[in-house]
């Protein structure tokens, strides 16, 4: 299993990945937090990750803590206001993946991210499978009413510290999947189907340690796909890969995806 280590070896790996992408007619992509760090969104478990630097943020990502702790919810709402106000934009990595869709070879982007930067980069929302949901929508835990996140954030800015559902008064959360909350099985089924129906599978910016999303890579491999891993550091599934490229994602992806 080849890994980038040295200029000439790295060049040959880039050329190999580029050739595989150029020749493929069906490409599925899995993305994790690493693709969005160049957009100013921290990852979770890295040295400067959100949970590494702020244990409170990891508590807020656990369903029972979020439901039980009013003060934690208040801090979470303030953090959401700051995140949306920051208005993160797609970076060159996101734009490179859209080039695959523009070429007509993208099966789907399976993403663990909740930032909707793939859609903002131009992807057809129907091709973006958000296995962990989205931060841009709220969901009432009681009645499941869903609305644009900006409506709730406007209430927070106006003075509500922990806004409640306007229909039933239940607890509002972002429409993301927290620890202790089941995934949407329809989305996961579509993600596994997309992984089974590709010639090349590209995993980007993910440690490949969070399941069941990480199952998409061995599924693709078992169905005969070539596997390319692009990440800032080694992953737990590098042994499955035909090419591993470690480095700056927003520099590597344009190199291998923007094929004329």
C-alpha atoms as a PDB file:
ATOM      1  CA  UNK A   1       0.000   0.000   0.000  1.00  0.00           C
ATOM      2  CA  UNK A   2       1.782   3.177  -1.155  1.00  0.00           C
ATOM      3  CA  UNK A   3       2.114   6.203   1.111  1.00  0.00           C
ATOM      4  CA  UNK A   4       3.471   9.623   0.239  1.00  0.00           C
ATOM      5  CA  UNK A   5       7.014  10.080   1.594  1.00  0.00           C
ATOM      6  CA  UNK A   6       9.444  12.111  -0.458  1.00  0.00           C
ATOM      7  CA  UNK A   7       9.149  14.413  -3.441  1.00  0.00           C
ATOM      8  CA  UNK A   8       9.624  11.982  -6.342  1.00  0.00           C
ATOM      9  CA  UNK A   9       7.547   9.256  -4.711  1.00  0.00           C
ATOM     10  CA  UNK A  10       4.843  11.795  -3.916  1.00  0.00           C
ATOM     11  CA  UNK A  11       4.802  12.990  -7.538  1.00  0.00           C
ATOM     12  CA  UNK A  12       4.292   9.428  -8.759  1.00  0.00           C
ATOM     13  CA  UNK A  13       1.453   8.917  -6.287  1.00  0.00           C
ATOM     14  CA  UNK A  14      -0.218  12.137  -7.402  1.00  0.00           C
ATOM     15  CA  UNK A  15       0.087  11.033 -11.014  1.00  0.00           C
ATOM     16  CA  UNK A  16      -1.369   7.617 -10.164  1.00  0.00           C
ATOM     17  CA  UNK A  17      -4.330   9.143  -8.311  1.00  0.00           C
ATOM     18  CA  UNK A  18      -4.871  11.673 -11.076  1.00  0.00           C
ATOM     19  CA  UNK A  19      -4.905   8.924 -13.722  1.00  0.00           C
ATOM     20  CA  UNK A  20      -7.390   6.816 -11.745  1.00  0.00           C
ATOM     21  CA  UNK A  21      -9.718   9.807 -11.366  1.00  0.00           C
ATOM     22  CA  UNK A  22      -9.335  10.809 -15.012  1.00  0.00           C
ATOM     23  CA  UNK A  23     -10.231   7.334 -16.272  1.00  0.00           C
ATOM     24  CA  UNK A  24     -13.176   6.694 -13.945  1.00  0.00           C
ATOM     25  CA  UNK A  25     -16.790   7.128 -14.968  1.00  0.00           C
ATOM     26  CA  UNK A  26     -18.232   6.553 -11.464  1.00  0.00           C
ATOM     27  CA  UNK A  27     -16.601   8.192  -8.437  1.00  0.00           C
ATOM     28  CA  UNK A  28     -17.894   8.252  -4.867  1.00  0.00           C
ATOM     29  CA  UNK A  29     -16.345  10.521  -2.237  1.00  0.00           C
ATOM     30  CA  UNK A  30     -16.399  10.324   1.561  1.00  0.00           C
ATOM     31  CA  UNK A  31     -15.519  13.537   3.380  1.00  0.00           C
ATOM     32  CA  UNK A  32     -14.769  14.348   6.999  1.00  0.00           C
ATOM     33  CA  UNK A  33     -13.869  17.404   9.035  1.00  0.00           C
ATOM     34  CA  UNK A  34     -10.413  17.730   7.487  1.00  0.00           C
ATOM     35  CA  UNK A  35     -11.749  19.062   4.197  1.00  0.00           C
ATOM     36  CA  UNK A  36     -13.300  22.065   5.974  1.00  0.00           C
ATOM     37  CA  UNK A  37     -10.397  23.182   8.164  1.00  0.00           C
ATOM     38  CA  UNK A  38      -9.124  25.504   5.419  1.00  0.00           C
ATOM     39  CA  UNK A  39     -12.545  27.166   5.528  1.00  0.00           C
ATOM     40  CA  UNK A  40     -11.898  28.084   9.159  1.00  0.00           C
ATOM     41  CA  UNK A  41     -13.897  25.219  10.677  1.00  0.00           C
ATOM     42  CA  UNK A  42     -11.803  23.237  13.196  1.00  0.00           C
ATOM     43  CA  UNK A  43     -11.790  19.471  13.172  1.00  0.00           C
ATOM     44  CA  UNK A  44     -12.729  17.561  16.317  1.00  0.00           C
ATOM     45  CA  UNK A  45      -9.937  15.307  17.519  1.00  0.00           C
ATOM     46  CA  UNK A  46      -6.808  16.912  16.021  1.00  0.00           C
ATOM     47  CA  UNK A  47      -4.179  18.813  18.069  1.00  0.00           C
ATOM     48  CA  UNK A  48      -6.199  22.016  17.589  1.00  0.00           C
ATOM     49  CA  UNK A  49      -9.526  20.231  17.355  1.00  0.00           C
ATOM     50  CA  UNK A  50     -12.767  21.554  18.792  1.00  0.00           C
ATOM     51  CA  UNK A  51     -13.078  18.762  21.340  1.00  0.00           C
ATOM     52  CA  UNK A  52      -9.346  18.729  22.117  1.00  0.00           C
ATOM     53  CA  UNK A  53      -9.360  22.380  23.136  1.00  0.00           C
ATOM     54  CA  UNK A  54     -12.892  22.535  24.558  1.00  0.00           C
ATOM     55  CA  UNK A  55     -14.219  19.459  26.397  1.00  0.00           C
ATOM     56  CA  UNK A  56     -17.531  21.316  26.836  1.00  0.00           C
ATOM     57  CA  UNK A  57     -18.035  21.102  23.063  1.00  0.00           C
ATOM     58  CA  UNK A  58     -17.770  17.319  23.192  1.00  0.00           C
ATOM     59  CA  UNK A  59     -20.395  17.230  25.964  1.00  0.00           C
ATOM     60  CA  UNK A  60     -22.674  19.309  23.738  1.00  0.00           C
ATOM     61  CA  UNK A  61     -22.253  16.668  21.020  1.00  0.00           C
ATOM     62  CA  UNK A  62     -23.727  13.996  23.337  1.00  0.00           C
ATOM     63  CA  UNK A  63     -27.517  13.792  23.184  1.00  0.00           C
ATOM     64  CA  UNK A  64     -28.227  13.077  26.854  1.00  0.00           C
ATOM     65  CA  UNK A  65     -25.956  15.873  28.076  1.00  0.00           C
ATOM     66  CA  UNK A  66     -27.590  18.297  25.637  1.00  0.00           C
ATOM     67  CA  UNK A  67     -31.134  17.357  26.665  1.00  0.00           C
ATOM     68  CA  UNK A  68     -30.428  17.357  30.407  1.00  0.00           C
ATOM     69  CA  UNK A  69     -28.252  20.475  30.787  1.00  0.00           C
ATOM     70  CA  UNK A  70     -29.982  23.842  30.287  1.00  0.00           C
ATOM     71  CA  UNK A  71     -26.730  25.797  30.788  1.00  0.00           C
ATOM     72  CA  UNK A  72     -24.958  23.634  28.198  1.00  0.00           C
ATOM     73  CA  UNK A  73     -27.730  24.371  25.693  1.00  0.00           C
ATOM     74  CA  UNK A  74     -27.387  28.114  26.331  1.00  0.00           C
ATOM     75  CA  UNK A  75     -23.648  27.948  25.570  1.00  0.00           C
ATOM     76  CA  UNK A  76     -24.369  25.847  22.489  1.00  0.00           C
ATOM     77  CA  UNK A  77     -26.738  28.470  21.117  1.00  0.00           C
ATOM     78  CA  UNK A  78     -24.148  31.196  21.573  1.00  0.00           C
ATOM     79  CA  UNK A  79     -21.587  29.048  19.749  1.00  0.00           C
ATOM     80  CA  UNK A  80     -24.027  28.504  16.873  1.00  0.00           C
ATOM     81  CA  UNK A  81     -24.498  32.264  16.526  1.00  0.00           C
ATOM     82  CA  UNK A  82     -20.723  32.739  16.320  1.00  0.00           C
ATOM     83  CA  UNK A  83     -20.370  29.905  13.784  1.00  0.00           C
ATOM     84  CA  UNK A  84     -23.065  31.201  11.447  1.00  0.00           C
ATOM     85  CA  UNK A  85     -21.838  34.795  11.796  1.00  0.00           C
ATOM     86  CA  UNK A  86     -18.408  33.590  10.689  1.00  0.00           C
ATOM     87  CA  UNK A  87     -19.987  32.595   7.360  1.00  0.00           C
ATOM     88  CA  UNK A  88     -17.459  29.888   6.348  1.00  0.00           C
ATOM     89  CA  UNK A  89     -16.995  29.493   2.602  1.00  0.00           C
ATOM     90  CA  UNK A  90     -16.068  26.493   0.434  1.00  0.00           C
ATOM     91  CA  UNK A  91     -12.329  26.171  -0.123  1.00  0.00           C
ATOM     92  CA  UNK A  92     -10.360  24.795  -3.071  1.00  0.00           C
ATOM     93  CA  UNK A  93     -10.881  21.236  -1.840  1.00  0.00           C
ATOM     94  CA  UNK A  94     -14.667  21.546  -1.967  1.00  0.00           C
ATOM     95  CA  UNK A  95     -14.461  23.206  -5.376  1.00  0.00           C
ATOM     96  CA  UNK A  96     -12.234  20.423  -6.712  1.00  0.00           C
ATOM     97  CA  UNK A  97     -14.826  17.810  -5.775  1.00  0.00           C
ATOM     98  CA  UNK A  98     -17.497  19.806  -7.584  1.00  0.00           C
ATOM     99  CA  UNK A  99     -15.344  19.491 -10.715  1.00  0.00           C
ATOM    100  CA  UNK A 100     -16.143  15.755 -10.619  1.00  0.00           C
ATOM    101  CA  UNK A 101     -19.862  16.497 -10.673  1.00  0.00           C
ATOM    102  CA  UNK A 102     -19.407  19.037 -13.463  1.00  0.00           C
ATOM    103  CA  UNK A 103     -17.632  16.300 -15.425  1.00  0.00           C
ATOM    104  CA  UNK A 104     -20.589  13.987 -14.911  1.00  0.00           C
ATOM    105  CA  UNK A 105     -18.701  11.254 -13.041  1.00  0.00           C
ATOM    106  CA  UNK A 106     -19.748  11.866  -9.435  1.00  0.00           C
ATOM    107  CA  UNK A 107     -22.037   9.230  -7.921  1.00  0.00           C
ATOM    108  CA  UNK A 108     -22.312  10.955  -4.532  1.00  0.00           C
ATOM    109  CA  UNK A 109     -20.506  12.839  -1.806  1.00  0.00           C
ATOM    110  CA  UNK A 110     -21.025  10.976   1.458  1.00  0.00           C
ATOM    111  CA  UNK A 111     -20.156  13.500   4.146  1.00  0.00           C
ATOM    112  CA  UNK A 112     -19.721  13.333   7.887  1.00  0.00           C
ATOM    113  CA  UNK A 113     -19.754  17.149   7.942  1.00  0.00           C
ATOM    114  CA  UNK A 114     -22.722  19.286   8.939  1.00  0.00           C
ATOM    115  CA  UNK A 115     -21.567  22.571   7.374  1.00  0.00           C
ATOM    116  CA  UNK A 116     -23.269  22.319   3.928  1.00  0.00           C
ATOM    117  CA  UNK A 117     -20.095  23.603   2.250  1.00  0.00           C
ATOM    118  CA  UNK A 118     -20.430  20.952  -0.464  1.00  0.00           C
ATOM    119  CA  UNK A 119     -23.784  22.410  -1.473  1.00  0.00           C
ATOM    120  CA  UNK A 120     -22.357  25.922  -1.320  1.00  0.00           C
ATOM    121  CA  UNK A 121     -19.569  24.793  -3.652  1.00  0.00           C
ATOM    122  CA  UNK A 122     -22.253  23.965  -6.241  1.00  0.00           C
ATOM    123  CA  UNK A 123     -23.150  20.318  -5.678  1.00  0.00           C
ATOM    124  CA  UNK A 124     -26.669  19.145  -6.396  1.00  0.00           C
ATOM    125  CA  UNK A 125     -28.072  18.638  -2.852  1.00  0.00           C
ATOM    126  CA  UNK A 126     -29.410  15.289  -4.020  1.00  0.00           C
ATOM    127  CA  UNK A 127     -25.842  14.063  -4.480  1.00  0.00           C
ATOM    128  CA  UNK A 128     -24.740  15.096  -0.974  1.00  0.00           C
ATOM    129  CA  UNK A 129     -25.529  12.426   1.616  1.00  0.00           C
ATOM    130  CA  UNK A 130     -25.242  14.017   5.062  1.00  0.00           C
ATOM    131  CA  UNK A 131     -24.855  11.035   7.364  1.00  0.00           C
ATOM    132  CA  UNK A 132     -24.537  13.278  10.436  1.00  0.00           C
ATOM    133  CA  UNK A 133     -27.230  15.782   9.448  1.00  0.00           C
ATOM    134  CA  UNK A 134     -26.891  19.551   9.057  1.00  0.00           C
ATOM    135  CA  UNK A 135     -26.239  22.531  11.315  1.00  0.00           C
ATOM    136  CA  UNK A 136     -28.292  24.770   9.048  1.00  0.00           C
ATOM    137  CA  UNK A 137     -31.629  23.424  10.274  1.00  0.00           C
ATOM    138  CA  UNK A 138     -33.215  22.997  13.723  1.00  0.00           C
ATOM    139  CA  UNK A 139     -35.170  19.984  14.904  1.00  0.00           C
ATOM    140  CA  UNK A 140     -37.543  19.819  17.854  1.00  0.00           C
ATOM    141  CA  UNK A 141     -36.674  16.781  19.965  1.00  0.00           C
ATOM    142  CA  UNK A 142     -40.340  16.294  20.900  1.00  0.00           C
ATOM    143  CA  UNK A 143     -42.422  16.862  17.758  1.00  0.00           C
ATOM    144  CA  UNK A 144     -39.603  16.720  15.120  1.00  0.00           C
ATOM    145  CA  UNK A 145     -40.622  20.042  13.526  1.00  0.00           C
ATOM    146  CA  UNK A 146     -37.752  21.247  11.338  1.00  0.00           C
ATOM    147  CA  UNK A 147     -37.015  24.850  10.370  1.00  0.00           C
ATOM    148  CA  UNK A 148     -34.099  26.917   9.055  1.00  0.00           C
ATOM    149  CA  UNK A 149     -31.472  27.452  11.758  1.00  0.00           C
ATOM    150  CA  UNK A 150     -31.394  31.191  11.098  1.00  0.00           C
ATOM    151  CA  UNK A 151     -34.933  31.539  12.487  1.00  0.00           C
ATOM    152  CA  UNK A 152     -33.842  30.201  15.885  1.00  0.00           C
ATOM    153  CA  UNK A 153     -30.594  32.175  15.846  1.00  0.00           C
ATOM    154  CA  UNK A 154     -32.535  35.397  15.286  1.00  0.00           C
ATOM    155  CA  UNK A 155     -34.463  34.617  18.475  1.00  0.00           C
ATOM    156  CA  UNK A 156     -31.182  34.037  20.350  1.00  0.00           C
ATOM    157  CA  UNK A 157     -29.789  37.356  19.140  1.00  0.00           C
ATOM    158  CA  UNK A 158     -33.049  38.983  20.257  1.00  0.00           C
ATOM    159  CA  UNK A 159     -32.556  37.671  23.789  1.00  0.00           C
ATOM    160  CA  UNK A 160     -33.808  34.069  24.048  1.00  0.00           C
ATOM    161  CA  UNK A 161     -30.984  32.081  25.622  1.00  0.00           C
ATOM    162  CA  UNK A 162     -32.470  28.613  24.979  1.00  0.00           C
ATOM    163  CA  UNK A 163     -35.247  28.937  22.367  1.00  0.00           C
ATOM    164  CA  UNK A 164     -38.001  26.347  22.491  1.00  0.00           C
ATOM    165  CA  UNK A 165     -40.027  24.807  19.674  1.00  0.00           C
ATOM    166  CA  UNK A 166     -42.690  27.253  18.523  1.00  0.00           C
ATOM    167  CA  UNK A 167     -45.168  24.426  17.916  1.00  0.00           C
ATOM    168  CA  UNK A 168     -44.969  22.370  21.093  1.00  0.00           C
ATOM    169  CA  UNK A 169     -42.463  24.043  23.428  1.00  0.00           C
ATOM    170  CA  UNK A 170     -39.995  21.166  23.184  1.00  0.00           C
ATOM    171  CA  UNK A 171     -36.203  21.342  23.252  1.00  0.00           C
ATOM    172  CA  UNK A 172     -34.658  22.599  20.021  1.00  0.00           C
ATOM    173  CA  UNK A 173     -31.374  21.221  18.735  1.00  0.00           C
ATOM    174  CA  UNK A 174     -29.525  21.473  15.477  1.00  0.00           C
ATOM    175  CA  UNK A 175     -30.614  18.805  13.004  1.00  0.00           C
ATOM    176  CA  UNK A 176     -27.326  16.988  13.493  1.00  0.00           C
ATOM    177  CA  UNK A 177     -26.736  13.472  14.770  1.00  0.00           C
ATOM    178  CA  UNK A 178     -25.357  13.591  18.313  1.00  0.00           C
ATOM    179  CA  UNK A 179     -23.691  10.747  20.185  1.00  0.00           C
ATOM    180  CA  UNK A 180     -26.464   8.515  21.445  1.00  0.00           C
ATOM    181  CA  UNK A 181     -28.790   9.388  18.571  1.00  0.00           C
ATOM    182  CA  UNK A 182     -29.543   6.932  15.735  1.00  0.00           C
ATOM    183  CA  UNK A 183     -28.499   7.707  12.186  1.00  0.00           C
ATOM    184  CA  UNK A 184     -30.986   8.125   9.366  1.00  0.00           C
ATOM    185  CA  UNK A 185     -31.010   4.606   7.930  1.00  0.00           C
ATOM    186  CA  UNK A 186     -32.228   5.773   4.523  1.00  0.00           C
ATOM    187  CA  UNK A 187     -29.211   8.083   4.188  1.00  0.00           C
ATOM    188  CA  UNK A 188     -26.837   5.312   5.276  1.00  0.00           C
ATOM    189  CA  UNK A 189     -28.405   2.857   2.829  1.00  0.00           C
ATOM    190  CA  UNK A 190     -27.909   5.349   0.003  1.00  0.00           C
ATOM    191  CA  UNK A 191     -24.312   5.933   1.141  1.00  0.00           C
ATOM    192  CA  UNK A 192     -23.519   2.224   1.066  1.00  0.00           C
ATOM    193  CA  UNK A 193     -25.216   1.879  -2.328  1.00  0.00           C
ATOM    194  CA  UNK A 194     -23.093   4.732  -3.708  1.00  0.00           C
ATOM    195  CA  UNK A 195     -19.999   3.007  -2.348  1.00  0.00           C
ATOM    196  CA  UNK A 196     -20.981  -0.251  -4.012  1.00  0.00           C
ATOM    197  CA  UNK A 197     -21.495   1.433  -7.388  1.00  0.00           C
ATOM    198  CA  UNK A 198     -18.225   3.236  -8.072  1.00  0.00           C
ATOM    199  CA  UNK A 199     -14.963   2.608  -9.877  1.00  0.00           C
ATOM    200  CA  UNK A 200     -12.976   4.978  -7.661  1.00  0.00           C
ATOM    201  CA  UNK A 201     -13.641   5.807  -4.014  1.00  0.00           C
ATOM    202  CA  UNK A 202     -11.929   8.878  -2.539  1.00  0.00           C
ATOM    203  CA  UNK A 203     -11.823   9.358   1.249  1.00  0.00           C
ATOM    204  CA  UNK A 204     -10.960  12.943   2.179  1.00  0.00           C
ATOM    205  CA  UNK A 205     -10.190  14.542   5.520  1.00  0.00           C
ATOM    206  CA  UNK A 206     -11.435  11.724   7.704  1.00  0.00           C
ATOM    207  CA  UNK A 207      -9.682   9.507  10.239  1.00  0.00           C
ATOM    208  CA  UNK A 208     -11.934   6.655   9.045  1.00  0.00           C
ATOM    209  CA  UNK A 209     -12.549   5.746  12.672  1.00  0.00           C
ATOM    210  CA  UNK A 210     -16.198   6.851  12.995  1.00  0.00           C
ATOM    211  CA  UNK A 211     -18.728   4.168  12.098  1.00  0.00           C
ATOM    212  CA  UNK A 212     -20.919   3.341  10.316  1.00  0.00           C
ATOM    213  CA  UNK A 213     -19.818   6.060   7.867  1.00  0.00           C
ATOM    214  CA  UNK A 214     -16.328   4.551   7.685  1.00  0.00           C
ATOM    215  CA  UNK A 215     -17.860   1.276   6.457  1.00  0.00           C
ATOM    216  CA  UNK A 216     -18.321   2.891   3.049  1.00  0.00           C
ATOM    217  CA  UNK A 217     -14.604   2.493   2.251  1.00  0.00           C
ATOM    218  CA  UNK A 218     -14.263  -1.287   2.769  1.00  0.00           C
ATOM    219  CA  UNK A 219     -17.622  -1.683   1.013  1.00  0.00           C
ATOM    220  CA  UNK A 220     -16.248   0.117  -2.053  1.00  0.00           C
ATOM    221  CA  UNK A 221     -13.033  -1.897  -1.928  1.00  0.00           C
ATOM    222  CA  UNK A 222     -14.912  -5.190  -1.692  1.00  0.00           C
ATOM    223  CA  UNK A 223     -16.931  -4.197  -4.784  1.00  0.00           C
ATOM    224  CA  UNK A 224     -13.786  -3.654  -6.837  1.00  0.00           C
ATOM    225  CA  UNK A 225     -13.231   0.109  -6.550  1.00  0.00           C
ATOM    226  CA  UNK A 226      -9.814   1.718  -6.510  1.00  0.00           C
ATOM    227  CA  UNK A 227      -9.378   3.551  -3.202  1.00  0.00           C
ATOM    228  CA  UNK A 228      -7.619   6.897  -2.760  1.00  0.00           C
ATOM    229  CA  UNK A 229      -7.156   8.394   0.720  1.00  0.00           C
ATOM    230  CA  UNK A 230      -6.348  12.093   1.036  1.00  0.00           C
ATOM    231  CA  UNK A 231      -5.741  13.251   4.596  1.00  0.00           C
ATOM    232  CA  UNK A 232      -3.476  15.330   6.773  1.00  0.00           C
ATOM    233  CA  UNK A 233      -2.154  12.246   8.566  1.00  0.00           C
ATOM    234  CA  UNK A 234      -2.346   8.444   8.331  1.00  0.00           C
ATOM    235  CA  UNK A 235      -5.737   6.798   8.909  1.00  0.00           C
ATOM    236  CA  UNK A 236      -6.882   3.502  10.354  1.00  0.00           C
ATOM    237  CA  UNK A 237      -7.749   2.207   6.872  1.00  0.00           C
ATOM    238  CA  UNK A 238      -4.631   3.105   4.882  1.00  0.00           C
ATOM    239  CA  UNK A 239      -4.056  -0.603   4.312  1.00  0.00           C
ATOM    240  CA  UNK A 240      -7.138  -0.705   2.061  1.00  0.00           C
ATOM    241  CA  UNK A 241      -5.907   2.092  -0.197  1.00  0.00           C
ATOM    242  CA  UNK A 242      -4.342   1.946  -3.638  1.00  0.00           C
ATOM    243  CA  UNK A 243      -2.961   5.445  -3.088  1.00  0.00           C
ATOM    244  CA  UNK A 244      -2.514   7.404   0.158  1.00  0.00           C
ATOM    245  CA  UNK A 245      -1.727  11.105  -0.046  1.00  0.00           C
ATOM    246  CA  UNK A 246      -0.924  12.892   3.204  1.00  0.00           C
ATOM    247  CA  UNK A 247      -0.716  16.672   3.075  1.00  0.00           C
ATOM    248  CA  UNK A 248      -2.755  19.824   2.526  1.00  0.00           C
ATOM    249  CA  UNK A 249      -6.159  18.692   1.292  1.00  0.00           C
ATOM    250  CA  UNK A 250      -7.016  21.954  -0.481  1.00  0.00           C
ATOM    251  CA  UNK A 251      -3.803  21.594  -2.494  1.00  0.00           C
ATOM    252  CA  UNK A 252      -3.972  17.856  -3.237  1.00  0.00           C
ATOM    253  CA  UNK A 253      -7.605  17.616  -4.339  1.00  0.00           C
ATOM    254  CA  UNK A 254      -7.382  20.228  -7.140  1.00  0.00           C
ATOM    255  CA  UNK A 255      -4.305  18.363  -8.379  1.00  0.00           C
ATOM    256  CA  UNK A 256      -6.088  15.035  -8.732  1.00  0.00           C
ATOM    257  CA  UNK A 257      -9.685  16.087  -9.458  1.00  0.00           C
ATOM    258  CA  UNK A 258      -9.413  19.001 -11.884  1.00  0.00           C
ATOM    259  CA  UNK A 259      -8.721  16.806 -14.871  1.00  0.00           C
ATOM    260  CA  UNK A 260      -9.131  18.315 -18.335  1.00  0.00           C
END
